[in-house]
Amino acid sequence: MSLANALNGLKEAQHKPAKAEKTVRVRKSPTPIAAAPVREITMRRPIGKSANPDYEKLTLYARKDLRRRAERKFEDDGGKDFSDLLEAFLTKYLAD
């Protein structure tokens, strides 16, 4: 190979665009997020009767005035849930 051929090859190599190299983008893993502090549960809310499997819905018919007077008296006596009154009556009825 002569010096002229080598120079020509060098010039051609400089004018030819180099093959494009494939660039691989590497995703960096996200920076780890500091774990949230674990919150201690000191007191849980009691489960409602509608979600409690030990209870079922009961429908009954009563005269409006009787139900209203019974609810008022029960609330005046410190009762919070009218279904508790009915449960107490049914328990007493079964005990007799």
Protein backbone atom coordinates (compact mmCIF):
# COMPACT_ATOMS: atom_id res chain seq x y z
CA MET A 1 0.00 0.00 0.00
CA SER A 2 1.47 3.26 -1.03
CA LEU A 3 1.54 6.44 0.96
CA ALA A 4 -0.86 8.08 -1.51
CA ASN A 5 -3.40 5.28 -1.13
CA ALA A 6 -3.14 5.48 2.64
CA LEU A 7 -3.72 9.26 2.57
CA ASN A 8 -6.68 8.87 0.23
CA GLY A 9 -8.16 6.21 2.52
CA LEU A 10 -7.66 8.52 5.47
CA LYS A 11 -9.36 11.42 3.67
CA GLU A 12 -12.29 9.22 2.69
CA ALA A 13 -12.66 7.99 6.22
CA GLN A 14 -12.79 11.56 7.44
CA HIS A 15 -15.50 12.49 4.91
CA LYS A 16 -17.62 9.41 5.50
CA PRO A 17 -20.00 9.81 8.33
CA ALA A 18 -19.29 7.29 11.02
CA LYS A 19 -21.90 4.66 11.63
CA ALA A 20 -24.37 5.93 14.11
CA GLU A 21 -23.93 4.13 17.33
CA LYS A 22 -27.02 3.07 19.06
CA THR A 23 -27.45 5.00 22.22
CA VAL A 24 -29.08 3.14 24.99
CA ARG A 25 -30.81 5.26 27.52
CA VAL A 26 -30.76 3.81 30.92
CA ARG A 27 -33.43 4.97 33.23
CA LYS A 28 -32.16 5.67 36.63
CA SER A 29 -34.23 4.16 39.33
CA PRO A 30 -36.10 6.84 41.18
CA THR A 31 -34.51 8.01 44.32
CA PRO A 32 -35.91 6.01 47.19
CA ILE A 33 -38.60 7.83 49.04
CA ALA A 34 -38.19 7.89 52.76
CA ALA A 35 -40.69 5.54 54.28
CA ALA A 36 -43.56 7.32 55.93
CA PRO A 37 -43.48 6.98 59.67
CA VAL A 38 -45.74 4.22 60.88
CA ARG A 39 -48.67 5.69 62.69
CA GLU A 40 -49.77 3.77 65.70
CA ILE A 41 -53.47 3.28 65.95
CA THR A 42 -54.35 3.93 69.50
CA MET A 43 -58.10 3.55 69.20
CA ARG A 44 -60.18 2.08 66.41
CA ARG A 45 -63.68 3.15 65.64
CA PRO A 46 -66.20 0.44 66.44
CA ILE A 47 -67.69 -1.27 63.42
CA GLY A 48 -71.23 -0.16 62.62
CA LYS A 49 -74.14 -2.53 62.97
CA SER A 50 -74.83 -2.44 59.23
CA ALA A 51 -71.31 -3.74 58.51
CA ASN A 52 -71.21 -6.18 61.43
CA PRO A 53 -72.07 -9.73 60.32
CA ASP A 54 -73.62 -10.47 63.75
CA TYR A 55 -76.49 -8.08 62.99
CA GLU A 56 -79.17 -8.13 60.31
CA LYS A 57 -81.71 -5.58 59.22
CA LEU A 58 -85.18 -5.90 60.70
CA THR A 59 -88.19 -4.09 59.32
CA LEU A 60 -91.39 -3.73 61.29
CA TYR A 61 -94.54 -1.69 61.17
CA ALA A 62 -95.60 0.48 64.09
CA ARG A 63 -97.99 3.36 64.42
CA LYS A 64 -96.22 6.69 63.79
CA ASP A 65 -97.27 8.30 67.05
CA LEU A 66 -96.19 5.24 69.05
CA ARG A 67 -92.75 5.15 67.39
CA ARG A 68 -92.21 8.91 67.84
CA ARG A 69 -93.19 8.85 71.53
CA ALA A 70 -90.99 5.79 72.16
CA GLU A 71 -87.99 7.35 70.39
CA ARG A 72 -88.36 10.61 72.34
CA LYS A 73 -88.62 8.80 75.69
CA PHE A 74 -85.67 6.56 74.83
CA GLU A 75 -83.51 9.59 73.86
CA ASP A 76 -84.58 11.44 77.00
CA ASP A 77 -83.49 8.46 79.07
CA GLY A 78 -80.03 8.65 77.50
CA GLY A 79 -80.43 6.08 74.76
CA LYS A 80 -78.55 6.66 71.52
CA ASP A 81 -79.65 3.93 69.14
CA PHE A 82 -83.29 2.98 68.91
CA SER A 83 -82.34 -0.50 67.74
CA ASP A 84 -80.75 -1.09 71.16
CA LEU A 85 -84.17 -0.56 72.75
CA LEU A 86 -85.80 -3.07 70.45
CA GLU A 87 -82.97 -5.54 71.09
CA ALA A 88 -83.51 -5.16 74.85
CA PHE A 89 -87.23 -5.81 74.44
CA LEU A 90 -86.62 -8.91 72.30
CA THR A 91 -84.04 -10.24 74.77
CA LYS A 92 -86.47 -9.77 77.67
CA TYR A 93 -89.26 -11.36 75.67
CA LEU A 94 -87.17 -14.45 74.97
CA ALA A 95 -86.05 -14.70 78.61
CA ASP A 96 -89.64 -14.94 79.85
